[in-house]
Protein backbone atom coordinates (compact mmCIF):
# COMPACT_ATOMS: atom_id res chain seq x y z
CA UNK A 1 0.00 0.00 0.00
CA UNK A 2 2.83 2.42 0.74
CA UNK A 3 6.61 2.63 1.22
CA UNK A 4 8.85 5.46 2.43
CA UNK A 5 12.53 5.95 3.31
CA UNK A 6 13.72 8.53 5.85
CA UNK A 7 17.34 9.25 6.80
CA UNK A 8 18.46 9.60 10.40
CA UNK A 9 21.62 9.12 12.48
CA UNK A 10 22.65 6.60 15.12
CA UNK A 11 25.30 6.82 17.82
CA UNK A 12 28.35 4.54 18.17
CA UNK A 13 30.98 6.10 20.41
CA UNK A 14 31.53 9.58 18.99
CA UNK A 15 30.58 8.41 15.51
CA UNK A 16 27.14 8.96 14.00
CA UNK A 17 26.44 6.33 11.32
CA UNK A 18 23.63 6.78 8.83
CA UNK A 19 20.40 4.98 9.76
CA UNK A 20 17.71 4.49 7.13
CA UNK A 21 14.17 4.27 8.51
CA UNK A 22 12.09 2.17 6.08
CA UNK A 23 8.31 2.13 6.57
CA UNK A 24 5.97 -0.21 4.72
CA UNK A 25 2.16 -0.22 4.96
CA UNK A 26 0.39 -3.38 3.88
CA UNK A 27 -2.96 -5.09 4.22
CA UNK A 28 -3.88 -6.99 7.35
CA UNK A 29 -4.88 -6.34 10.91
CA UNK A 30 -3.73 -2.95 12.28
CA UNK A 31 -0.43 -3.69 14.01
CA UNK A 32 3.04 -2.14 14.13
CA UNK A 33 6.28 -4.13 13.94
CA UNK A 34 9.70 -2.54 14.58
CA UNK A 35 12.79 -4.44 13.43
CA UNK A 36 16.51 -3.69 13.18
CA UNK A 37 17.91 -4.35 16.72
CA UNK A 38 15.90 -1.63 18.50
CA UNK A 39 16.60 -1.26 22.21
CA UNK A 40 13.98 -0.45 24.84
CA UNK A 41 13.74 3.29 24.19
CA UNK A 42 13.41 2.68 20.45
CA UNK A 43 10.78 -0.06 20.86
CA UNK A 44 8.72 2.31 23.00
CA UNK A 45 8.69 4.75 20.08
CA UNK A 46 5.63 2.92 18.70
CA UNK A 47 3.40 4.25 21.46
CA UNK A 48 4.92 7.75 21.45
CA UNK A 49 4.63 8.08 17.67
CA UNK A 50 1.01 6.94 17.56
CA UNK A 51 -0.09 9.36 20.28
CA UNK A 52 1.94 12.22 18.75
CA UNK A 53 0.39 11.69 15.30
CA UNK A 54 -3.18 11.55 16.64
CA UNK A 55 -2.69 14.62 18.84
CA UNK A 56 -1.22 16.49 15.85
CA UNK A 57 -4.52 15.86 13.96
CA UNK A 58 -3.15 13.22 11.61
CA UNK A 59 -4.98 9.99 10.82
CA UNK A 60 -3.42 6.78 12.05
CA UNK A 61 -3.17 4.19 9.26
CA UNK A 62 -5.49 1.23 9.80
CA UNK A 63 -3.09 -1.25 8.24
CA UNK A 64 -0.10 -3.42 9.02
CA UNK A 65 2.92 -1.16 9.64
CA UNK A 66 6.45 -2.59 9.32
CA UNK A 67 9.35 -0.33 10.31
CA UNK A 68 12.94 -1.37 9.57
CA UNK A 69 15.97 0.45 10.96
CA UNK A 70 18.88 -0.29 8.63
CA UNK A 71 21.61 -1.45 8.84
CA UNK A 72 19.99 -4.27 10.81
CA UNK A 73 23.16 -5.45 12.60
CA UNK A 74 23.79 -2.08 14.30
CA UNK A 75 22.04 -1.71 17.70
CA UNK A 76 19.72 1.32 17.84
CA UNK A 77 19.24 3.29 21.05
CA UNK A 78 17.68 6.52 22.24
CA UNK A 79 14.56 8.46 21.35
CA UNK A 80 16.02 10.26 18.33
CA UNK A 81 14.27 7.94 15.87
CA UNK A 82 10.77 9.07 16.90
CA UNK A 83 10.60 11.89 14.37
CA UNK A 84 11.85 9.93 11.31
CA UNK A 85 9.55 7.01 12.20
CA UNK A 86 6.53 9.34 12.43
CA UNK A 87 7.43 11.07 9.15
CA UNK A 88 7.95 7.73 7.45
CA UNK A 89 4.51 6.47 8.51
CA UNK A 90 2.78 9.67 7.43
CA UNK A 91 4.62 9.70 4.08
CA UNK A 92 3.82 6.04 3.41
CA UNK A 93 0.15 6.88 4.09
CA UNK A 94 0.36 9.84 1.67
CA UNK A 95 -0.49 12.37 4.40
CA UNK A 96 2.75 14.31 3.83
CA UNK A 97 5.03 14.55 0.75
CA UNK A 98 8.33 12.65 0.72
CA UNK A 99 10.07 14.76 -1.94
CA UNK A 100 12.55 16.28 0.56
CA UNK A 101 13.52 13.00 2.24
CA UNK A 102 16.50 12.30 -0.03
CA UNK A 103 18.15 15.62 0.89
CA UNK A 104 17.34 15.68 4.62
CA UNK A 105 18.11 13.85 7.83
CA UNK A 106 15.84 13.97 10.86
CA UNK A 107 16.46 13.62 14.60
CA UNK A 108 14.09 14.16 17.49
CA UNK A 109 12.11 12.57 20.29
CA UNK A 110 8.34 13.07 20.29
CA UNK A 111 6.19 13.85 23.29
CA UNK A 112 2.65 12.50 23.36
CA UNK A 113 1.22 15.85 22.23
CA UNK A 114 3.53 16.02 19.20
CA UNK A 115 6.16 18.42 20.55
CA UNK A 116 9.83 17.69 19.84
CA UNK A 117 12.17 17.00 22.73
CA UNK A 118 15.97 17.31 22.64
CA UNK A 119 18.19 14.27 22.07
CA UNK A 120 21.86 13.48 22.64
CA UNK A 121 24.47 13.12 19.90
CA UNK A 122 23.25 15.98 17.71
CA UNK A 123 26.72 17.46 17.15
CA UNK A 124 28.30 14.31 15.63
CA UNK A 125 25.14 13.90 13.53
CA UNK A 126 25.46 17.49 12.28
CA UNK A 127 29.08 16.87 11.27
CA UNK A 128 28.20 13.74 9.30
CA UNK A 129 25.13 15.36 7.72
CA UNK A 130 27.31 18.25 6.56
CA UNK A 131 29.85 15.84 5.09
CA UNK A 132 26.99 14.02 3.31
CA UNK A 133 25.67 17.32 1.94
CA UNK A 134 22.25 16.87 3.56
CA UNK A 135 20.05 19.18 5.61
CA UNK A 136 19.73 18.17 9.27
CA UNK A 137 16.38 18.84 10.98
CA UNK A 138 16.51 18.80 14.79
CA UNK A 139 14.34 19.89 17.75
CA UNK A 140 14.48 23.56 18.65
CA UNK A 141 16.15 22.72 21.97
CA UNK A 142 19.11 21.26 20.02
CA UNK A 143 19.40 24.20 17.61
CA UNK A 144 22.32 25.92 19.38
CA UNK A 145 24.26 22.66 19.49
CA UNK A 146 23.71 21.86 15.81
CA UNK A 147 24.72 25.41 14.84
CA UNK A 148 28.24 24.80 16.19
CA UNK A 149 29.02 22.90 12.96
CA UNK A 150 29.98 25.36 10.26
CA UNK A 151 29.56 24.72 6.56
CA UNK A 152 26.35 22.72 6.76
CA UNK A 153 22.65 23.52 6.81
CA UNK A 154 20.71 22.79 10.00
CA UNK A 155 17.04 23.59 10.56
CA UNK A 156 14.94 23.25 13.69
CA UNK A 157 11.28 22.82 14.55
CA UNK A 158 9.32 22.66 17.76
CA UNK A 159 6.75 19.98 16.84
CA UNK A 160 5.82 17.23 14.42
CA UNK A 161 3.20 19.56 12.90
CA UNK A 162 5.92 22.20 12.18
CA UNK A 163 7.99 19.64 10.26
CA UNK A 164 4.94 18.41 8.32
CA UNK A 165 3.94 21.96 7.38
CA UNK A 166 7.49 22.58 6.15
CA UNK A 167 7.41 19.42 4.03
CA UNK A 168 4.12 20.63 2.53
CA UNK A 169 5.79 23.98 1.72
CA UNK A 170 3.34 25.93 3.87
CA UNK A 171 5.93 27.39 6.28
CA UNK A 172 9.67 27.76 6.68
CA UNK A 173 11.73 26.18 9.40
CA UNK A 174 14.21 28.45 11.13
CA UNK A 175 17.92 28.02 10.60
CA UNK A 176 19.89 26.88 13.63
CA UNK A 177 21.81 29.77 15.15
CA UNK A 178 24.50 29.66 17.86
CA UNK A 179 23.75 31.14 21.24
CA UNK A 180 25.94 34.23 21.50
CA UNK A 181 24.68 35.31 24.91
CA UNK A 182 27.10 33.15 26.91
CA UNK A 183 30.24 34.68 28.34
CA UNK A 184 33.63 32.93 28.47
CA UNK A 185 34.50 31.56 31.92
CA UNK A 186 36.81 33.49 34.21
CA UNK A 187 39.59 31.20 35.41
CA UNK A 188 41.34 31.69 38.77
CA UNK A 189 44.44 33.83 38.38
CA UNK A 190 47.99 32.67 39.02
CA UNK A 191 48.73 35.87 40.93
CA UNK A 192 46.68 34.44 43.80
CA UNK A 193 49.48 31.95 44.44
CA UNK A 194 52.17 33.50 46.64
CA UNK A 195 55.66 32.04 46.50
CA UNK A 196 56.35 28.58 45.01
CA UNK A 197 58.53 29.81 42.10
CA UNK A 198 59.72 26.29 41.24
CA UNK A 199 56.20 24.88 41.11
CA UNK A 200 55.00 27.85 39.03
CA UNK A 201 57.83 27.30 36.57
CA UNK A 202 56.88 23.62 36.29
CA UNK A 203 53.27 24.65 35.65
CA UNK A 204 54.34 27.00 32.86
CA UNK A 205 56.51 24.37 31.17
CA UNK A 206 53.72 21.79 31.46
CA UNK A 207 51.24 24.20 29.87
CA UNK A 208 53.62 25.19 27.07
CA UNK A 209 54.33 21.62 25.93
CA UNK A 210 51.14 19.86 27.13
CA UNK A 211 53.25 17.73 29.48
CA UNK A 212 51.88 15.55 32.26
CA UNK A 213 52.58 16.88 35.75
CA UNK A 214 52.85 15.39 39.24
CA UNK A 215 53.10 17.57 42.35
CA UNK A 216 54.31 16.04 45.61
CA UNK A 217 54.17 17.84 48.94
CA UNK A 218 52.60 18.15 52.38
CA UNK A 219 48.95 19.19 52.61
CA UNK A 220 48.21 22.89 52.36
CA UNK A 221 51.27 23.85 50.33
CA UNK A 222 49.27 24.85 47.22
CA UNK A 223 49.16 21.79 44.94
CA UNK A 224 45.42 21.98 44.25
CA UNK A 225 45.66 25.78 44.07
CA UNK A 226 48.26 25.52 41.32
CA UNK A 227 46.33 22.90 39.38
CA UNK A 228 43.20 25.07 39.35
CA UNK A 229 45.24 27.89 37.73
CA UNK A 230 46.44 25.74 34.83
CA UNK A 231 43.34 26.28 32.61
CA UNK A 232 43.94 30.04 32.78
CA UNK A 233 47.38 29.79 31.16
CA UNK A 234 46.62 27.21 28.45
CA UNK A 235 46.35 28.36 24.82
CA UNK A 236 42.89 28.54 23.21
CA UNK A 237 41.51 25.53 21.35
CA UNK A 238 41.33 25.36 17.58
CA UNK A 239 38.04 24.83 15.73
CA UNK A 240 38.87 21.14 15.25
CA UNK A 241 39.71 20.64 18.92
CA UNK A 242 36.52 22.40 19.99
CA UNK A 243 34.44 20.11 17.77
CA UNK A 244 36.15 17.02 19.19
CA UNK A 245 35.50 18.14 22.77
CA UNK A 246 31.89 19.04 22.03
CA UNK A 247 31.29 15.73 20.23
CA UNK A 248 32.38 13.73 23.27
CA UNK A 249 30.19 15.85 25.55
CA UNK A 250 27.25 15.48 23.14
CA UNK A 251 27.18 11.68 23.49
CA UNK A 252 27.89 11.67 27.25
CA UNK A 253 25.33 11.07 29.96
CA UNK A 254 25.17 14.76 30.86
CA UNK A 255 24.95 15.96 27.25
CA UNK A 256 26.52 19.07 25.72
CA UNK A 257 26.25 22.49 27.27
CA UNK A 258 26.77 24.74 24.25
CA UNK A 259 27.93 27.50 26.59
CA UNK A 260 31.14 25.53 27.12
CA UNK A 261 32.06 25.77 23.44
CA UNK A 262 35.76 26.52 23.00
CA UNK A 263 36.55 25.99 26.70
CA UNK A 264 39.15 23.37 27.53
CA UNK A 265 37.71 20.69 29.85
CA UNK A 266 38.98 20.54 33.42
CA UNK A 267 37.83 17.27 34.96
CA UNK A 268 38.40 16.56 38.65
CA UNK A 269 36.97 13.12 39.50
CA UNK A 270 36.81 12.10 43.16
CA UNK A 271 39.30 9.49 44.26
CA UNK A 272 36.45 7.07 44.99
CA UNK A 273 35.50 6.81 41.29
CA UNK A 274 35.69 3.37 39.70
CA UNK A 275 37.77 2.35 36.71
CA UNK A 276 34.57 2.32 34.60
CA UNK A 277 33.78 5.91 35.62
CA UNK A 278 37.34 6.87 34.73
CA UNK A 279 37.68 4.97 31.45
CA UNK A 280 34.04 4.84 30.36
CA UNK A 281 31.85 1.83 29.68
CA UNK A 282 28.46 0.37 30.47
CA UNK A 283 26.24 -1.98 28.50
CA UNK A 284 25.82 0.91 26.08
CA UNK A 285 29.37 2.39 26.21
CA UNK A 286 29.54 6.00 27.30
CA UNK A 287 32.67 8.18 27.61
CA UNK A 288 34.40 8.30 30.99
CA UNK A 289 36.39 11.04 32.68
CA UNK A 290 39.47 10.54 30.52
CA UNK A 291 37.43 11.08 27.34
CA UNK A 292 35.50 14.00 28.81
CA UNK A 293 38.94 15.55 29.50
CA UNK A 294 39.94 15.20 25.82
CA UNK A 295 42.02 18.23 24.70
CA UNK A 296 41.88 19.45 28.30
CA UNK A 297 43.06 18.55 31.79
CA UNK A 298 42.40 15.52 33.96
CA UNK A 299 43.29 16.47 37.53
CA UNK A 300 43.63 13.61 40.00
CA UNK A 301 44.00 15.00 43.51
CA UNK A 302 45.16 12.65 46.28
CA UNK A 303 46.55 10.32 43.61
CA UNK A 304 47.39 7.32 45.86
CA UNK A 305 43.80 7.27 47.15
CA UNK A 306 42.59 6.11 43.71
CA UNK A 307 42.43 2.36 43.31
CA UNK A 308 45.46 0.90 41.56
CA UNK A 309 43.23 -0.76 38.97
CA UNK A 310 41.69 2.61 38.09
CA UNK A 311 45.11 4.25 37.75
CA UNK A 312 46.41 1.51 35.46
CA UNK A 313 43.57 2.32 33.06
CA UNK A 314 45.40 5.58 32.31
CA UNK A 315 48.52 3.95 30.89
CA UNK A 316 47.32 3.10 27.38
CA UNK A 317 45.37 6.35 26.72
CA UNK A 318 48.39 8.38 27.83
CA UNK A 319 50.34 6.80 24.97
CA UNK A 320 47.72 6.38 22.24
CA UNK A 321 45.34 9.29 22.92
CA UNK A 322 42.26 7.07 22.59
CA UNK A 323 40.50 4.28 24.44
CA UNK A 324 38.55 1.35 23.01
CA UNK A 325 35.76 -0.05 25.19
CA UNK A 326 34.85 -3.62 24.27
CA UNK A 327 31.71 -5.37 25.39
CA UNK A 328 30.17 -8.68 24.36
CA UNK A 329 27.59 -7.00 22.13
CA UNK A 330 29.52 -4.00 20.83
CA UNK A 331 32.72 -1.98 20.76
CA UNK A 332 33.14 1.78 20.98
CA UNK A 333 36.21 4.01 20.63
CA UNK A 334 36.50 7.40 22.31
CA UNK A 335 39.27 10.03 22.03
CA UNK A 336 41.32 10.51 25.20
CA UNK A 337 44.15 12.94 24.45
CA UNK A 338 44.26 14.63 27.86
CA UNK A 339 46.91 16.37 29.96
CA UNK A 340 47.30 14.50 33.24
CA UNK A 341 47.87 16.64 36.33
CA UNK A 342 48.17 14.90 39.68
CA UNK A 343 48.84 15.80 43.30
CA UNK A 344 49.81 13.61 46.23
CA UNK A 345 51.10 13.72 49.79
CA UNK A 346 54.45 12.12 50.68
CA UNK A 347 52.81 9.74 53.18
CA UNK A 348 49.36 8.86 54.57
CA UNK A 349 49.48 11.67 57.15
CA UNK A 350 51.18 14.04 54.69
CA UNK A 351 53.95 15.21 57.02
CA UNK A 352 56.86 13.00 55.96
CA UNK A 353 58.78 15.66 54.02
CA UNK A 354 57.96 18.87 55.88
CA UNK A 355 60.88 18.56 58.36
CA UNK A 356 58.55 19.12 61.30
CA UNK A 357 59.00 15.71 62.87
CA UNK A 358 55.22 15.30 63.16
CA UNK A 359 55.02 12.24 60.86
CA UNK A 360 54.11 9.05 62.72
CA UNK A 361 53.85 6.81 59.64
CA UNK A 362 56.01 3.72 59.61
CA UNK A 363 58.30 2.91 56.70
CA UNK A 364 55.97 0.08 55.72
CA UNK A 365 52.95 2.40 55.70
CA UNK A 366 54.79 4.95 53.56
CA UNK A 367 55.97 2.27 51.14
CA UNK A 368 52.47 0.81 50.83
CA UNK A 369 51.00 4.29 50.30
CA UNK A 370 53.50 5.23 47.59
CA UNK A 371 53.39 1.78 46.03
CA UNK A 372 49.86 2.40 44.79
CA UNK A 373 51.44 4.32 41.92
CA UNK A 374 53.14 1.89 39.58
CA UNK A 375 56.49 2.58 37.97
CA UNK A 376 55.12 2.39 34.39
CA UNK A 377 52.50 5.05 35.19
CA UNK A 378 55.03 7.30 36.92
CA UNK A 379 57.37 6.88 33.94
CA UNK A 380 54.70 8.46 31.72
CA UNK A 381 54.53 11.66 33.80
CA UNK A 382 56.97 14.13 32.22
CA UNK A 383 57.31 16.62 35.06
CA UNK A 384 57.52 15.61 38.72
CA UNK A 385 57.99 18.49 41.12
CA UNK A 386 58.13 18.88 44.88
CA UNK A 387 55.92 21.56 46.41
CA UNK A 388 57.57 22.29 49.73
CA UNK A 389 56.30 24.19 52.72
CA UNK A 390 57.67 27.78 52.71
CA UNK A 391 60.37 28.66 55.22
CA UNK A 392 58.62 31.83 56.35
CA UNK A 393 55.02 32.97 56.57
CA UNK A 394 53.50 33.82 53.21
CA UNK A 395 51.41 36.48 54.90
CA UNK A 396 54.39 38.82 55.07
CA UNK A 397 55.50 38.28 51.48
CA UNK A 398 54.84 41.20 49.08
CA UNK A 399 52.23 40.58 46.39
CA UNK A 400 52.70 43.63 44.16
CA UNK A 401 55.13 42.02 41.72
CA UNK A 402 53.54 38.57 41.40
CA UNK A 403 53.09 37.59 37.75
CA UNK A 404 49.48 37.08 36.67
CA UNK A 405 48.03 34.41 34.40
CA UNK A 406 47.82 36.73 31.37
CA UNK A 407 51.59 37.26 31.26
CA UNK A 408 52.33 33.54 31.62
CA UNK A 409 49.67 32.63 29.07
CA UNK A 410 51.25 34.96 26.50
CA UNK A 411 54.55 33.07 26.78
CA UNK A 412 52.75 29.73 26.65
CA UNK A 413 50.85 30.69 23.48
CA UNK A 414 54.06 31.92 21.86
CA UNK A 415 55.84 28.67 22.68
CA UNK A 416 52.91 26.50 21.56
CA UNK A 417 52.73 28.42 18.27
CA UNK A 418 56.38 27.60 17.59
CA UNK A 419 55.70 23.91 18.24
CA UNK A 420 52.68 23.77 15.95
CA UNK A 421 54.54 25.54 13.15
CA UNK A 422 57.52 23.22 13.53
CA UNK A 423 55.93 19.79 14.03
CA UNK A 424 52.17 20.36 13.87
CA UNK A 425 51.71 19.11 17.44
CA UNK A 426 52.76 19.99 21.02
CA UNK A 427 56.12 18.68 22.17
CA UNK A 428 54.53 16.13 24.49
CA UNK A 429 53.05 14.35 21.45
CA UNK A 430 56.30 14.02 19.48
CA UNK A 431 57.02 10.44 18.38
CA UNK A 432 60.42 8.78 18.02
CA UNK A 433 60.90 10.03 14.47
CA UNK A 434 60.10 13.57 15.57
CA UNK A 435 62.58 13.33 18.45
CA UNK A 436 65.49 12.62 16.14
CA UNK A 437 64.41 15.49 13.90
CA UNK A 438 63.49 18.22 16.37
CA UNK A 439 65.25 17.20 19.60
CA UNK A 440 68.64 16.11 18.30
CA UNK A 441 71.49 16.56 20.78
CA UNK A 442 75.15 15.66 20.73
CA UNK A 443 78.43 16.42 22.48
CA UNK A 444 78.11 17.95 25.92
CA UNK A 445 74.30 17.82 25.94
CA UNK A 446 74.29 14.12 25.07
CA UNK A 447 76.90 13.38 27.71
CA UNK A 448 74.80 15.14 30.36
CA UNK A 449 71.72 13.09 29.51
CA UNK A 450 73.69 9.84 29.44
CA UNK A 451 75.15 10.58 32.88
CA UNK A 452 71.67 11.29 34.29
CA UNK A 453 70.37 8.08 32.72
CA UNK A 454 73.06 6.03 34.44
CA UNK A 455 72.80 7.70 37.86
CA UNK A 456 69.01 7.89 38.04
CA UNK A 457 68.37 4.53 36.29
CA UNK A 458 66.11 6.18 33.74
CA UNK A 459 64.24 4.11 31.18
CA UNK A 460 64.41 4.90 27.45
CA UNK A 461 60.87 6.28 27.73
CA UNK A 462 62.00 8.62 30.54
CA UNK A 463 64.94 9.81 28.41
CA UNK A 464 62.60 10.57 25.53
CA UNK A 465 60.34 12.54 27.82
CA UNK A 466 63.32 14.50 29.17
CA UNK A 467 64.14 15.44 25.58
CA UNK A 468 60.56 16.60 24.99
CA UNK A 469 60.57 18.74 28.12
CA UNK A 470 64.00 20.12 27.14
CA UNK A 471 62.59 21.11 23.76
CA UNK A 472 59.72 22.94 25.49
CA UNK A 473 62.10 24.80 27.79
CA UNK A 474 64.21 25.78 24.78
CA UNK A 475 61.07 27.07 23.04
CA UNK A 476 60.22 29.20 26.07
CA UNK A 477 63.77 30.62 25.84
CA UNK A 478 63.38 31.20 22.06
CA UNK A 479 66.34 28.89 21.45
CA UNK A 480 66.68 26.98 18.17
CA UNK A 481 68.74 24.22 19.77
CA UNK A 482 68.62 22.41 23.08
CA UNK A 483 71.34 23.63 25.46
CA UNK A 484 72.80 21.99 28.55
CA UNK A 485 70.77 24.32 30.78
CA UNK A 486 67.56 23.12 29.17
CA UNK A 487 68.47 19.46 29.68
CA UNK A 488 69.56 20.10 33.26
CA UNK A 489 66.23 21.74 34.09
CA UNK A 490 64.30 18.91 32.45
CA UNK A 491 66.30 16.37 34.47
CA UNK A 492 65.58 18.33 37.64
CA UNK A 493 61.88 17.94 36.88
CA UNK A 494 62.35 14.14 37.19
CA UNK A 495 64.21 14.07 40.49
CA UNK A 496 61.44 12.06 42.10
CA UNK A 497 62.77 8.60 41.34
CA UNK A 498 60.69 5.48 41.06
CA UNK A 499 62.29 4.08 44.18
CA UNK A 500 61.08 7.14 46.09
CA UNK A 501 57.49 7.29 44.78
CA UNK A 502 56.34 3.97 43.40
CA UNK A 503 57.30 0.40 42.75
Foldseek 3Di string as FASTA:
>chain_A
DFKDWAWAWADFFLATDIKIKIKDWDADAADEAEAQQEDDLVVCLVVLLVLQCVLLVHDQDRTYMYIYIPPSLDHGDDQFCSLVNNVRRCCRVVNAPCPQRVQEYETFHAGSNFWTDATFQLLNRLVVSQVVNHEYEGAPVCLQVSQLDPNHWYFYDTGSNVVRCVRVVNDDTDTRDHDPPADDDDADKPLVDFDPPVVVVVLLLCQLQVFAEEEEAFPPLQQVVSLSNSQLQHDWDDSVQQSQLQSLQRQAPVHGDSSCRRRQDEAEDALVDDLCQAQFDDPRTHGHPLLNNQVHEYEYEQVLSHALVSLVSVLVCLQVQKDWYDDPSDIHIGGRPHHYYYYHAQFPNRCPPQPPPPDPDDPVRSQVSLASQAPSSLLRGQFYYYRYHDPDDSVPPDSPPRDISVVSSVLSVQLNVVVCVVPVHRLSNDDPVVCCVQQDDDDPQVVVLVVLCVVQVRDPSNSSSLSSSQSSVCSSVVHRYRDNVSSVVSSVRQPCGCVSRHD
